[in-house]
Amino acid sequence: MATRIQNYLQEKNGGNQSEMARFVGVSPQAVQKWIAGQAEPRGKNLELAAQFLGVTPSLLKFGTEVGAPTVVARHPDDPIPDDVVMVPEHRVEFSAGNGRVHYEIMDDNEPATYRRSWFQKYGINPDRVRRFRVSGDSMEPLLFARDTILVNLDETQVIDGRLYALRYGDQLRVKYLSRRLDGTLILRSVNPAYKDEEVPAEAANEHITVIGRVRDRSGTGGL
Protein backbone atom coordinates (compact mmCIF):
# COMPACT_ATOMS: atom_id res chain seq x y z
CA MET A 1 0.00 0.00 0.00
CA ALA A 2 2.91 2.35 0.70
CA THR A 3 3.88 2.58 -2.98
CA ARG A 4 0.29 3.26 -4.03
CA ILE A 5 -0.12 6.05 -1.46
CA GLN A 6 3.11 7.64 -2.63
CA ASN A 7 2.18 7.38 -6.32
CA TYR A 8 -1.37 8.68 -5.89
CA LEU A 9 -0.16 11.52 -3.66
CA GLN A 10 2.41 12.51 -6.26
CA GLU A 11 -0.32 12.60 -8.91
CA LYS A 12 -2.67 14.51 -6.58
CA ASN A 13 -0.50 17.37 -5.40
CA GLY A 14 3.14 16.65 -6.14
CA GLY A 15 3.61 14.65 -2.94
CA ASN A 16 2.47 17.20 -0.33
CA GLN A 17 2.10 15.03 2.78
CA SER A 18 0.95 17.88 5.05
CA GLU A 19 -2.09 18.57 2.88
CA MET A 20 -3.12 14.93 3.05
CA ALA A 21 -2.53 14.83 6.81
CA ARG A 22 -4.83 17.83 7.36
CA PHE A 23 -7.59 16.28 5.27
CA VAL A 24 -7.45 12.91 7.02
CA GLY A 25 -6.98 14.46 10.47
CA VAL A 26 -3.66 12.86 11.36
CA SER A 27 -0.15 14.16 11.89
CA PRO A 28 2.29 14.54 8.97
CA GLN A 29 4.42 11.93 10.74
CA ALA A 30 1.57 9.42 10.37
CA VAL A 31 1.46 10.00 6.62
CA GLN A 32 5.25 9.64 6.48
CA LYS A 33 4.93 6.23 8.15
CA TRP A 34 2.26 5.17 5.62
CA ILE A 35 4.54 6.08 2.72
CA ALA A 36 7.53 4.40 4.36
CA GLY A 37 5.54 1.21 4.86
CA GLN A 38 5.90 1.39 8.64
CA ALA A 39 2.13 1.63 9.19
CA GLU A 40 -1.10 1.57 7.19
CA PRO A 41 -4.27 3.67 7.36
CA ARG A 42 -7.22 1.69 8.69
CA GLY A 43 -10.93 2.20 9.18
CA LYS A 44 -12.00 5.83 8.83
CA ASN A 45 -8.43 6.93 8.06
CA LEU A 46 -8.35 4.55 5.09
CA GLU A 47 -11.66 5.91 3.80
CA LEU A 48 -10.52 9.53 4.14
CA ALA A 49 -7.10 8.84 2.64
CA ALA A 50 -8.74 7.19 -0.37
CA GLN A 51 -11.21 10.08 -0.69
CA PHE A 52 -8.39 12.62 -0.65
CA LEU A 53 -6.42 10.69 -3.27
CA GLY A 54 -9.47 10.23 -5.50
CA VAL A 55 -9.59 6.42 -5.39
CA THR A 56 -11.67 3.78 -3.63
CA PRO A 57 -10.52 2.28 -0.31
CA SER A 58 -10.30 -1.09 -2.05
CA LEU A 59 -8.04 0.26 -4.78
CA LEU A 60 -5.81 2.00 -2.25
CA LYS A 61 -5.54 -1.02 0.05
CA PHE A 62 -5.35 -3.86 -2.46
CA GLY A 63 -4.44 -2.25 -5.79
CA THR A 64 -7.61 -3.49 -7.47
CA GLU A 65 -11.32 -2.78 -7.35
CA VAL A 66 -12.10 -5.75 -5.13
CA GLY A 67 -15.78 -6.04 -4.43
CA ALA A 68 -16.79 -3.59 -7.16
CA PRO A 69 -20.38 -4.22 -8.37
CA THR A 70 -19.31 -5.47 -11.79
CA VAL A 71 -20.77 -8.97 -11.94
CA VAL A 72 -24.46 -9.11 -12.83
CA ALA A 73 -26.78 -11.85 -11.57
CA ARG A 74 -28.42 -13.67 -14.48
CA HIS A 75 -30.28 -16.94 -15.06
CA PRO A 76 -28.59 -19.13 -17.73
CA ASP A 77 -31.82 -19.28 -19.76
CA ASP A 78 -32.31 -15.50 -19.82
CA PRO A 79 -31.43 -13.59 -23.02
CA ILE A 80 -28.21 -11.59 -22.89
CA PRO A 81 -28.99 -7.84 -22.58
CA ASP A 82 -27.10 -5.38 -24.76
CA ASP A 83 -25.51 -3.70 -21.74
CA VAL A 84 -23.72 -6.79 -20.42
CA VAL A 85 -20.66 -8.79 -21.48
CA MET A 86 -20.22 -12.53 -21.00
CA VAL A 87 -16.70 -13.48 -19.89
CA PRO A 88 -15.98 -17.23 -19.77
CA GLU A 89 -13.42 -18.81 -17.50
CA HIS A 90 -10.18 -19.84 -19.20
CA ARG A 91 -7.51 -22.41 -18.60
CA VAL A 92 -4.01 -21.16 -19.36
CA GLU A 93 -1.20 -23.22 -20.87
CA PHE A 94 2.41 -22.27 -21.62
CA SER A 95 4.55 -23.42 -24.53
CA ALA A 96 7.99 -24.69 -23.62
CA GLY A 97 10.84 -22.72 -25.13
CA ASN A 98 9.15 -19.64 -26.58
CA GLY A 99 7.09 -18.85 -23.48
CA ARG A 100 3.94 -18.32 -25.55
CA VAL A 101 0.69 -18.29 -23.59
CA HIS A 102 -2.37 -20.21 -24.81
CA TYR A 103 -5.91 -19.82 -23.48
CA GLU A 104 -8.62 -22.46 -23.53
CA ILE A 105 -12.25 -21.73 -22.63
CA MET A 106 -13.63 -24.00 -19.91
CA ASP A 107 -17.05 -24.82 -21.34
CA ASP A 108 -18.17 -26.69 -18.24
CA ASN A 109 -18.13 -23.49 -16.13
CA GLU A 110 -20.79 -20.79 -16.42
CA PRO A 111 -19.44 -17.46 -17.80
CA ALA A 112 -19.54 -14.37 -15.60
CA THR A 113 -21.77 -11.50 -16.70
CA TYR A 114 -20.27 -7.99 -16.46
CA ARG A 115 -21.77 -4.60 -17.12
CA ARG A 116 -20.46 -3.08 -20.36
CA SER A 117 -20.37 0.36 -18.70
CA TRP A 118 -17.73 -0.89 -16.25
CA PHE A 119 -15.36 -1.75 -19.09
CA GLN A 120 -16.02 1.64 -20.67
CA LYS A 121 -15.34 3.45 -17.39
CA TYR A 122 -11.82 2.01 -17.16
CA GLY A 123 -11.08 1.97 -20.90
CA ILE A 124 -10.87 -1.82 -21.05
CA ASN A 125 -11.58 -3.79 -24.22
CA PRO A 126 -13.93 -6.67 -23.21
CA ASP A 127 -12.42 -8.82 -25.96
CA ARG A 128 -9.03 -8.55 -24.27
CA VAL A 129 -9.91 -9.87 -20.82
CA ARG A 130 -9.69 -13.40 -19.44
CA ARG A 131 -10.95 -15.04 -16.25
CA PHE A 132 -8.69 -17.46 -14.38
CA ARG A 133 -9.15 -19.49 -11.23
CA VAL A 134 -6.80 -18.90 -8.30
CA SER A 135 -5.01 -21.61 -6.33
CA GLY A 136 -2.88 -21.47 -3.21
CA ASP A 137 -2.98 -19.18 -0.18
CA SER A 138 -0.19 -16.67 -0.83
CA MET A 139 -2.65 -13.85 -1.63
CA GLU A 140 -5.04 -14.38 1.30
CA PRO A 141 -7.08 -12.53 2.49
CA LEU A 142 -7.31 -10.69 -0.84
CA LEU A 143 -7.69 -13.85 -2.94
CA PHE A 144 -8.58 -17.31 -1.75
CA ALA A 145 -8.18 -20.65 -3.51
CA ARG A 146 -10.96 -21.20 -6.08
CA ASP A 147 -11.66 -17.46 -6.47
CA THR A 148 -11.59 -16.17 -10.04
CA ILE A 149 -9.76 -13.09 -11.30
CA LEU A 150 -10.48 -10.89 -14.30
CA VAL A 151 -7.26 -10.02 -16.15
CA ASN A 152 -6.80 -7.30 -18.78
CA LEU A 153 -4.30 -8.66 -21.31
CA ASP A 154 -3.56 -5.16 -22.66
CA GLU A 155 -2.01 -3.98 -19.38
CA THR A 156 1.38 -5.65 -19.26
CA GLN A 157 3.59 -2.67 -18.40
CA VAL A 158 4.42 -2.92 -14.70
CA ILE A 159 3.06 -0.07 -12.58
CA ASP A 160 4.54 -0.27 -9.09
CA GLY A 161 2.15 -1.62 -6.49
CA ARG A 162 -0.48 -2.99 -8.89
CA LEU A 163 -1.73 -6.57 -9.04
CA TYR A 164 -0.82 -8.75 -12.03
CA ALA A 165 -1.20 -12.26 -13.38
CA LEU A 166 2.11 -13.56 -14.66
CA ARG A 167 3.80 -16.59 -16.08
CA TYR A 168 6.79 -17.61 -13.97
CA GLY A 169 8.40 -20.64 -15.55
CA ASP A 170 5.47 -22.98 -16.18
CA GLN A 171 3.22 -21.55 -13.45
CA LEU A 172 0.43 -18.98 -13.47
CA ARG A 173 0.93 -16.68 -10.49
CA VAL A 174 -0.82 -13.60 -9.11
CA LYS A 175 1.36 -11.02 -7.35
CA TYR A 176 1.79 -7.35 -6.63
CA LEU A 177 4.69 -6.17 -8.78
CA SER A 178 7.20 -3.37 -8.57
CA ARG A 179 10.46 -2.77 -10.41
CA ARG A 180 13.71 -1.26 -9.18
CA LEU A 181 15.88 1.09 -11.21
CA ASP A 182 18.28 -1.78 -11.99
CA GLY A 183 15.41 -3.81 -13.48
CA THR A 184 14.98 -6.17 -10.53
CA LEU A 185 11.36 -7.32 -10.35
CA ILE A 186 9.77 -7.57 -6.90
CA LEU A 187 6.95 -10.11 -6.46
CA ARG A 188 4.88 -9.41 -3.36
CA SER A 189 2.25 -11.59 -1.71
CA VAL A 190 -0.46 -10.50 0.73
CA ASN A 191 -0.12 -13.42 3.12
CA PRO A 192 2.67 -12.43 5.56
CA ALA A 193 3.85 -16.04 5.61
CA TYR A 194 5.29 -15.48 2.12
CA LYS A 195 8.35 -13.25 1.74
CA ASP A 196 8.91 -10.90 -1.19
CA GLU A 197 10.66 -12.48 -4.16
CA GLU A 198 13.38 -10.46 -5.88
CA VAL A 199 14.08 -11.53 -9.46
CA PRO A 200 17.10 -9.91 -11.17
CA ALA A 201 16.39 -8.20 -14.49
CA GLU A 202 18.06 -10.85 -16.65
CA ALA A 203 16.23 -13.71 -14.93
CA ALA A 204 12.92 -11.81 -15.05
CA ASN A 205 13.27 -11.23 -18.80
CA GLU A 206 14.01 -14.91 -19.35
CA HIS A 207 11.52 -16.59 -17.02
CA ILE A 208 8.67 -14.13 -16.38
CA THR A 209 5.93 -12.97 -18.72
CA VAL A 210 3.36 -10.48 -17.44
CA ILE A 211 0.00 -11.74 -18.72
CA GLY A 212 -2.01 -8.72 -17.62
CA ARG A 213 -3.29 -6.62 -14.76
CA VAL A 214 -5.92 -8.00 -12.40
CA ARG A 215 -9.00 -5.79 -12.61
CA ASP A 216 -11.61 -7.69 -10.60
CA ARG A 217 -12.17 -10.82 -8.57
CA SER A 218 -15.12 -12.97 -7.62
CA GLY A 219 -15.75 -16.09 -5.61
CA THR A 220 -16.61 -17.40 -2.18
CA GLY A 221 -13.10 -18.27 -1.08
CA GLY A 222 -12.53 -17.87 2.64
CA LEU A 223 -16.22 -18.22 3.56
C-alpha atoms as a PDB file:
ATOM      1  CA  MET A   1       0.000   0.000   0.000  1.00  0.00           C
ATOM      2  CA  ALA A   2       2.909   2.350   0.697  1.00  0.00           C
ATOM      3  CA  THR A   3       3.876   2.580  -2.978  1.00  0.00           C
ATOM      4  CA  ARG A   4       0.288   3.262  -4.026  1.00  0.00           C
ATOM      5  CA  ILE A   5      -0.124   6.046  -1.456  1.00  0.00           C
ATOM      6  CA  GLN A   6       3.109   7.642  -2.629  1.00  0.00           C
ATOM      7  CA  ASN A   7       2.181   7.378  -6.323  1.00  0.00           C
ATOM      8  CA  TYR A   8      -1.369   8.679  -5.890  1.00  0.00           C
ATOM      9  CA  LEU A   9      -0.163  11.516  -3.662  1.00  0.00           C
ATOM     10  CA  GLN A  10       2.412  12.513  -6.261  1.00  0.00           C
ATOM     11  CA  GLU A  11      -0.320  12.604  -8.905  1.00  0.00           C
ATOM     12  CA  LYS A  12      -2.671  14.508  -6.582  1.00  0.00           C
ATOM     13  CA  ASN A  13      -0.500  17.375  -5.397  1.00  0.00           C
ATOM     14  CA  GLY A  14       3.137  16.652  -6.145  1.00  0.00           C
ATOM     15  CA  GLY A  15       3.610  14.652  -2.942  1.00  0.00           C
ATOM     16  CA  ASN A  16       2.467  17.197  -0.333  1.00  0.00           C
ATOM     17  CA  GLN A  17       2.099  15.035   2.781  1.00  0.00           C
ATOM     18  CA  SER A  18       0.949  17.875   5.055  1.00  0.00           C
ATOM     19  CA  GLU A  19      -2.093  18.567   2.877  1.00  0.00           C
ATOM     20  CA  MET A  20      -3.118  14.927   3.054  1.00  0.00           C
ATOM     21  CA  ALA A  21      -2.529  14.826   6.814  1.00  0.00           C
ATOM     22  CA  ARG A  22      -4.825  17.832   7.363  1.00  0.00           C
ATOM     23  CA  PHE A  23      -7.594  16.279   5.268  1.00  0.00           C
ATOM     24  CA  VAL A  24      -7.453  12.910   7.024  1.00  0.00           C
ATOM     25  CA  GLY A  25      -6.984  14.464  10.469  1.00  0.00           C
ATOM     26  CA  VAL A  26      -3.661  12.859  11.358  1.00  0.00           C
ATOM     27  CA  SER A  27      -0.150  14.156  11.890  1.00  0.00           C
ATOM     28  CA  PRO A  28       2.289  14.543   8.974  1.00  0.00           C
ATOM     29  CA  GLN A  29       4.420  11.933  10.740  1.00  0.00           C
ATOM     30  CA  ALA A  30       1.573   9.422  10.375  1.00  0.00           C
ATOM     31  CA  VAL A  31       1.458   9.997   6.615  1.00  0.00           C
ATOM     32  CA  GLN A  32       5.247   9.635   6.480  1.00  0.00           C
ATOM     33  CA  LYS A  33       4.928   6.228   8.145  1.00  0.00           C
ATOM     34  CA  TRP A  34       2.262   5.169   5.619  1.00  0.00           C
ATOM     35  CA  ILE A  35       4.538   6.084   2.721  1.00  0.00           C
ATOM     36  CA  ALA A  36       7.532   4.401   4.355  1.00  0.00           C
ATOM     37  CA  GLY A  37       5.536   1.209   4.860  1.00  0.00           C
ATOM     38  CA  GLN A  38       5.897   1.391   8.643  1.00  0.00           C
ATOM     39  CA  ALA A  39       2.130   1.628   9.189  1.00  0.00           C
ATOM     40  CA  GLU A  40      -1.104   1.568   7.186  1.00  0.00           C
ATOM     41  CA  PRO A  41      -4.270   3.673   7.365  1.00  0.00           C
ATOM     42  CA  ARG A  42      -7.218   1.694   8.686  1.00  0.00           C
ATOM     43  CA  GLY A  43     -10.930   2.204   9.176  1.00  0.00           C
ATOM     44  CA  LYS A  44     -11.996   5.834   8.829  1.00  0.00           C
ATOM     45  CA  ASN A  45      -8.434   6.931   8.060  1.00  0.00           C
ATOM     46  CA  LEU A  46      -8.349   4.545   5.091  1.00  0.00           C
ATOM     47  CA  GLU A  47     -11.659   5.909   3.795  1.00  0.00           C
ATOM     48  CA  LEU A  48     -10.524   9.534   4.143  1.00  0.00           C
ATOM     49  CA  ALA A  49      -7.100   8.837   2.641  1.00  0.00           C
ATOM     50  CA  ALA A  50      -8.740   7.194  -0.371  1.00  0.00           C
ATOM     51  CA  GLN A  51     -11.212  10.078  -0.689  1.00  0.00           C
ATOM     52  CA  PHE A  52      -8.386  12.619  -0.645  1.00  0.00           C
ATOM     53  CA  LEU A  53      -6.423  10.688  -3.274  1.00  0.00           C
ATOM     54  CA  GLY A  54      -9.471  10.228  -5.498  1.00  0.00           C
ATOM     55  CA  VAL A  55      -9.593   6.422  -5.391  1.00  0.00           C
ATOM     56  CA  THR A  56     -11.672   3.784  -3.632  1.00  0.00           C
ATOM     57  CA  PRO A  57     -10.522   2.283  -0.312  1.00  0.00           C
ATOM     58  CA  SER A  58     -10.296  -1.094  -2.053  1.00  0.00           C
ATOM     59  CA  LEU A  59      -8.036   0.259  -4.783  1.00  0.00           C
ATOM     60  CA  LEU A  60      -5.811   2.001  -2.252  1.00  0.00           C
ATOM     61  CA  LYS A  61      -5.538  -1.024   0.048  1.00  0.00           C
ATOM     62  CA  PHE A  62      -5.350  -3.865  -2.463  1.00  0.00           C
ATOM     63  CA  GLY A  63      -4.436  -2.250  -5.787  1.00  0.00           C
ATOM     64  CA  THR A  64      -7.607  -3.495  -7.469  1.00  0.00           C
ATOM     65  CA  GLU A  65     -11.321  -2.777  -7.353  1.00  0.00           C
ATOM     66  CA  VAL A  66     -12.098  -5.750  -5.134  1.00  0.00           C
ATOM     67  CA  GLY A  67     -15.778  -6.041  -4.434  1.00  0.00           C
ATOM     68  CA  ALA A  68     -16.787  -3.594  -7.163  1.00  0.00           C
ATOM     69  CA  PRO A  69     -20.379  -4.216  -8.367  1.00  0.00           C
ATOM     70  CA  THR A  70     -19.309  -5.470 -11.793  1.00  0.00           C
ATOM     71  CA  VAL A  71     -20.774  -8.967 -11.938  1.00  0.00           C
ATOM     72  CA  VAL A  72     -24.460  -9.107 -12.834  1.00  0.00           C
ATOM     73  CA  ALA A  73     -26.777 -11.852 -11.573  1.00  0.00           C
ATOM     74  CA  ARG A  74     -28.416 -13.669 -14.480  1.00  0.00           C
ATOM     75  CA  HIS A  75     -30.277 -16.942 -15.057  1.00  0.00           C
ATOM     76  CA  PRO A  76     -28.587 -19.129 -17.725  1.00  0.00           C
ATOM     77  CA  ASP A  77     -31.817 -19.276 -19.757  1.00  0.00           C
ATOM     78  CA  ASP A  78     -32.307 -15.496 -19.823  1.00  0.00           C
ATOM     79  CA  PRO A  79     -31.433 -13.591 -23.024  1.00  0.00           C
ATOM     80  CA  ILE A  80     -28.212 -11.585 -22.890  1.00  0.00           C
ATOM     81  CA  PRO A  81     -28.990  -7.844 -22.577  1.00  0.00           C
ATOM     82  CA  ASP A  82     -27.098  -5.380 -24.755  1.00  0.00           C
ATOM     83  CA  ASP A  83     -25.512  -3.701 -21.736  1.00  0.00           C
ATOM     84  CA  VAL A  84     -23.719  -6.792 -20.416  1.00  0.00           C
ATOM     85  CA  VAL A  85     -20.656  -8.787 -21.484  1.00  0.00           C
ATOM     86  CA  MET A  86     -20.224 -12.528 -21.004  1.00  0.00           C
ATOM     87  CA  VAL A  87     -16.702 -13.482 -19.887  1.00  0.00           C
ATOM     88  CA  PRO A  88     -15.984 -17.232 -19.774  1.00  0.00           C
ATOM     89  CA  GLU A  89     -13.420 -18.814 -17.497  1.00  0.00           C
ATOM     90  CA  HIS A  90     -10.179 -19.836 -19.202  1.00  0.00           C
ATOM     91  CA  ARG A  91      -7.508 -22.411 -18.597  1.00  0.00           C
ATOM     92  CA  VAL A  92      -4.014 -21.155 -19.358  1.00  0.00           C
ATOM     93  CA  GLU A  93      -1.197 -23.216 -20.870  1.00  0.00           C
ATOM     94  CA  PHE A  94       2.412 -22.274 -21.617  1.00  0.00           C
ATOM     95  CA  SER A  95       4.549 -23.417 -24.527  1.00  0.00           C
ATOM     96  CA  ALA A  96       7.989 -24.692 -23.621  1.00  0.00           C
ATOM     97  CA  GLY A  97      10.844 -22.724 -25.126  1.00  0.00           C
ATOM     98  CA  ASN A  98       9.150 -19.644 -26.581  1.00  0.00           C
ATOM     99  CA  GLY A  99       7.086 -18.848 -23.481  1.00  0.00           C
ATOM    100  CA  ARG A 100       3.943 -18.324 -25.547  1.00  0.00           C
ATOM    101  CA  VAL A 101       0.691 -18.290 -23.587  1.00  0.00           C
ATOM    102  CA  HIS A 102      -2.366 -20.214 -24.807  1.00  0.00           C
ATOM    103  CA  TYR A 103      -5.911 -19.819 -23.481  1.00  0.00           C
ATOM    104  CA  GLU A 104      -8.623 -22.464 -23.531  1.00  0.00           C
ATOM    105  CA  ILE A 105     -12.246 -21.732 -22.628  1.00  0.00           C
ATOM    106  CA  MET A 106     -13.630 -23.999 -19.913  1.00  0.00           C
ATOM    107  CA  ASP A 107     -17.054 -24.819 -21.344  1.00  0.00           C
ATOM    108  CA  ASP A 108     -18.172 -26.693 -18.240  1.00  0.00           C
ATOM    109  CA  ASN A 109     -18.126 -23.491 -16.135  1.00  0.00           C
ATOM    110  CA  GLU A 110     -20.790 -20.788 -16.415  1.00  0.00           C
ATOM    111  CA  PRO A 111     -19.445 -17.462 -17.797  1.00  0.00           C
ATOM    112  CA  ALA A 112     -19.539 -14.371 -15.603  1.00  0.00           C
ATOM    113  CA  THR A 113     -21.765 -11.499 -16.696  1.00  0.00           C
ATOM    114  CA  TYR A 114     -20.269  -7.994 -16.459  1.00  0.00           C
ATOM    115  CA  ARG A 115     -21.773  -4.596 -17.125  1.00  0.00           C
ATOM    116  CA  ARG A 116     -20.457  -3.076 -20.355  1.00  0.00           C
ATOM    117  CA  SER A 117     -20.370   0.357 -18.699  1.00  0.00           C
ATOM    118  CA  TRP A 118     -17.734  -0.887 -16.249  1.00  0.00           C
ATOM    119  CA  PHE A 119     -15.358  -1.750 -19.089  1.00  0.00           C
ATOM    120  CA  GLN A 120     -16.024   1.641 -20.674  1.00  0.00           C
ATOM    121  CA  LYS A 121     -15.336   3.448 -17.395  1.00  0.00           C
ATOM    122  CA  TYR A 122     -11.824   2.008 -17.165  1.00  0.00           C
ATOM    123  CA  GLY A 123     -11.079   1.975 -20.900  1.00  0.00           C
ATOM    124  CA  ILE A 124     -10.867  -1.823 -21.045  1.00  0.00           C
ATOM    125  CA  ASN A 125     -11.583  -3.790 -24.215  1.00  0.00           C
ATOM    126  CA  PRO A 126     -13.932  -6.666 -23.208  1.00  0.00           C
ATOM    127  CA  ASP A 127     -12.422  -8.822 -25.960  1.00  0.00           C
ATOM    128  CA  ARG A 128      -9.026  -8.548 -24.267  1.00  0.00           C
ATOM    129  CA  VAL A 129      -9.913  -9.872 -20.816  1.00  0.00           C
ATOM    130  CA  ARG A 130      -9.688 -13.400 -19.437  1.00  0.00           C
ATOM    131  CA  ARG A 131     -10.947 -15.039 -16.249  1.00  0.00           C
ATOM    132  CA  PHE A 132      -8.685 -17.455 -14.379  1.00  0.00           C
ATOM    133  CA  ARG A 133      -9.154 -19.494 -11.226  1.00  0.00           C
ATOM    134  CA  VAL A 134      -6.798 -18.902  -8.300  1.00  0.00           C
ATOM    135  CA  SER A 135      -5.008 -21.608  -6.331  1.00  0.00           C
ATOM    136  CA  GLY A 136      -2.881 -21.473  -3.210  1.00  0.00           C
ATOM    137  CA  ASP A 137      -2.978 -19.184  -0.176  1.00  0.00           C
ATOM    138  CA  SER A 138      -0.189 -16.668  -0.831  1.00  0.00           C
ATOM    139  CA  MET A 139      -2.648 -13.850  -1.627  1.00  0.00           C
ATOM    140  CA  GLU A 140      -5.037 -14.383   1.302  1.00  0.00           C
ATOM    141  CA  PRO A 141      -7.078 -12.535   2.493  1.00  0.00           C
ATOM    142  CA  LEU A 142      -7.308 -10.689  -0.843  1.00  0.00           C
ATOM    143  CA  LEU A 143      -7.686 -13.846  -2.943  1.00  0.00           C
ATOM    144  CA  PHE A 144      -8.582 -17.313  -1.750  1.00  0.00           C
ATOM    145  CA  ALA A 145      -8.176 -20.648  -3.514  1.00  0.00           C
ATOM    146  CA  ARG A 146     -10.963 -21.197  -6.081  1.00  0.00           C
ATOM    147  CA  ASP A 147     -11.657 -17.462  -6.469  1.00  0.00           C
ATOM    148  CA  THR A 148     -11.586 -16.166 -10.043  1.00  0.00           C
ATOM    149  CA  ILE A 149      -9.763 -13.088 -11.301  1.00  0.00           C
ATOM    150  CA  LEU A 150     -10.479 -10.887 -14.302  1.00  0.00           C
ATOM    151  CA  VAL A 151      -7.259 -10.024 -16.150  1.00  0.00           C
ATOM    152  CA  ASN A 152      -6.796  -7.300 -18.776  1.00  0.00           C
ATOM    153  CA  LEU A 153      -4.303  -8.658 -21.314  1.00  0.00           C
ATOM    154  CA  ASP A 154      -3.560  -5.165 -22.659  1.00  0.00           C
ATOM    155  CA  GLU A 155      -2.014  -3.975 -19.377  1.00  0.00           C
ATOM    156  CA  THR A 156       1.384  -5.649 -19.258  1.00  0.00           C
ATOM    157  CA  GLN A 157       3.587  -2.674 -18.398  1.00  0.00           C
ATOM    158  CA  VAL A 158       4.422  -2.916 -14.700  1.00  0.00           C
ATOM    159  CA  ILE A 159       3.064  -0.067 -12.576  1.00  0.00           C
ATOM    160  CA  ASP A 160       4.538  -0.265  -9.095  1.00  0.00           C
ATOM    161  CA  GLY A 161       2.149  -1.616  -6.494  1.00  0.00           C
ATOM    162  CA  ARG A 162      -0.482  -2.987  -8.892  1.00  0.00           C
ATOM    163  CA  LEU A 163      -1.733  -6.573  -9.037  1.00  0.00           C
ATOM    164  CA  TYR A 164      -0.817  -8.748 -12.032  1.00  0.00           C
ATOM    165  CA  ALA A 165      -1.199 -12.260 -13.377  1.00  0.00           C
ATOM    166  CA  LEU A 166       2.106 -13.563 -14.658  1.00  0.00           C
ATOM    167  CA  ARG A 167       3.805 -16.587 -16.078  1.00  0.00           C
ATOM    168  CA  TYR A 168       6.790 -17.608 -13.968  1.00  0.00           C
ATOM    169  CA  GLY A 169       8.400 -20.643 -15.547  1.00  0.00           C
ATOM    170  CA  ASP A 170       5.465 -22.981 -16.182  1.00  0.00           C
ATOM    171  CA  GLN A 171       3.217 -21.549 -13.454  1.00  0.00           C
ATOM    172  CA  LEU A 172       0.426 -18.977 -13.472  1.00  0.00           C
ATOM    173  CA  ARG A 173       0.926 -16.682 -10.494  1.00  0.00           C
ATOM    174  CA  VAL A 174      -0.821 -13.598  -9.111  1.00  0.00           C
ATOM    175  CA  LYS A 175       1.361 -11.020  -7.346  1.00  0.00           C
ATOM    176  CA  TYR A 176       1.788  -7.352  -6.627  1.00  0.00           C
ATOM    177  CA  LEU A 177       4.686  -6.167  -8.784  1.00  0.00           C
ATOM    178  CA  SER A 178       7.201  -3.369  -8.575  1.00  0.00           C
ATOM    179  CA  ARG A 179      10.461  -2.770 -10.410  1.00  0.00           C
ATOM    180  CA  ARG A 180      13.708  -1.258  -9.177  1.00  0.00           C
ATOM    181  CA  LEU A 181      15.883   1.086 -11.213  1.00  0.00           C
ATOM    182  CA  ASP A 182      18.282  -1.777 -11.994  1.00  0.00           C
ATOM    183  CA  GLY A 183      15.409  -3.807 -13.476  1.00  0.00           C
ATOM    184  CA  THR A 184      14.976  -6.172 -10.534  1.00  0.00           C
ATOM    185  CA  LEU A 185      11.358  -7.315 -10.354  1.00  0.00           C
ATOM    186  CA  ILE A 186       9.774  -7.574  -6.900  1.00  0.00           C
ATOM    187  CA  LEU A 187       6.950 -10.111  -6.463  1.00  0.00           C
ATOM    188  CA  ARG A 188       4.883  -9.405  -3.361  1.00  0.00           C
ATOM    189  CA  SER A 189       2.250 -11.590  -1.712  1.00  0.00           C
ATOM    190  CA  VAL A 190      -0.460 -10.501   0.728  1.00  0.00           C
ATOM    191  CA  ASN A 191      -0.124 -13.418   3.124  1.00  0.00           C
ATOM    192  CA  PRO A 192       2.674 -12.430   5.561  1.00  0.00           C
ATOM    193  CA  ALA A 193       3.855 -16.044   5.609  1.00  0.00           C
ATOM    194  CA  TYR A 194       5.292 -15.477   2.123  1.00  0.00           C
ATOM    195  CA  LYS A 195       8.348 -13.253   1.740  1.00  0.00           C
ATOM    196  CA  ASP A 196       8.911 -10.904  -1.191  1.00  0.00           C
ATOM    197  CA  GLU A 197      10.658 -12.477  -4.164  1.00  0.00           C
ATOM    198  CA  GLU A 198      13.375 -10.463  -5.879  1.00  0.00           C
ATOM    199  CA  VAL A 199      14.078 -11.534  -9.456  1.00  0.00           C
ATOM    200  CA  PRO A 200      17.100  -9.908 -11.170  1.00  0.00           C
ATOM    201  CA  ALA A 201      16.389  -8.202 -14.488  1.00  0.00           C
ATOM    202  CA  GLU A 202      18.063 -10.852 -16.652  1.00  0.00           C
ATOM    203  CA  ALA A 203      16.228 -13.710 -14.934  1.00  0.00           C
ATOM    204  CA  ALA A 204      12.923 -11.810 -15.054  1.00  0.00           C
ATOM    205  CA  ASN A 205      13.267 -11.232 -18.798  1.00  0.00           C
ATOM    206  CA  GLU A 206      14.011 -14.915 -19.348  1.00  0.00           C
ATOM    207  CA  HIS A 207      11.524 -16.589 -17.016  1.00  0.00           C
ATOM    208  CA  ILE A 208       8.668 -14.132 -16.377  1.00  0.00           C
ATOM    209  CA  THR A 209       5.928 -12.966 -18.723  1.00  0.00           C
ATOM    210  CA  VAL A 210       3.362 -10.484 -17.439  1.00  0.00           C
ATOM    211  CA  ILE A 211       0.002 -11.739 -18.722  1.00  0.00           C
ATOM    212  CA  GLY A 212      -2.007  -8.724 -17.618  1.00  0.00           C
ATOM    213  CA  ARG A 213      -3.287  -6.622 -14.761  1.00  0.00           C
ATOM    214  CA  VAL A 214      -5.922  -8.003 -12.396  1.00  0.00           C
ATOM    215  CA  ARG A 215      -8.999  -5.788 -12.607  1.00  0.00           C
ATOM    216  CA  ASP A 216     -11.606  -7.688 -10.602  1.00  0.00           C
ATOM    217  CA  ARG A 217     -12.169 -10.825  -8.572  1.00  0.00           C
ATOM    218  CA  SER A 218     -15.124 -12.967  -7.620  1.00  0.00           C
ATOM    219  CA  GLY A 219     -15.753 -16.089  -5.608  1.00  0.00           C
ATOM    220  CA  THR A 220     -16.613 -17.401  -2.183  1.00  0.00           C
ATOM    221  CA  GLY A 221     -13.097 -18.265  -1.076  1.00  0.00           C
ATOM    222  CA  GLY A 222     -12.532 -17.872   2.643  1.00  0.00           C
ATOM    223  CA  LEU A 223     -16.218 -18.219   3.559  1.00  0.00           C
END
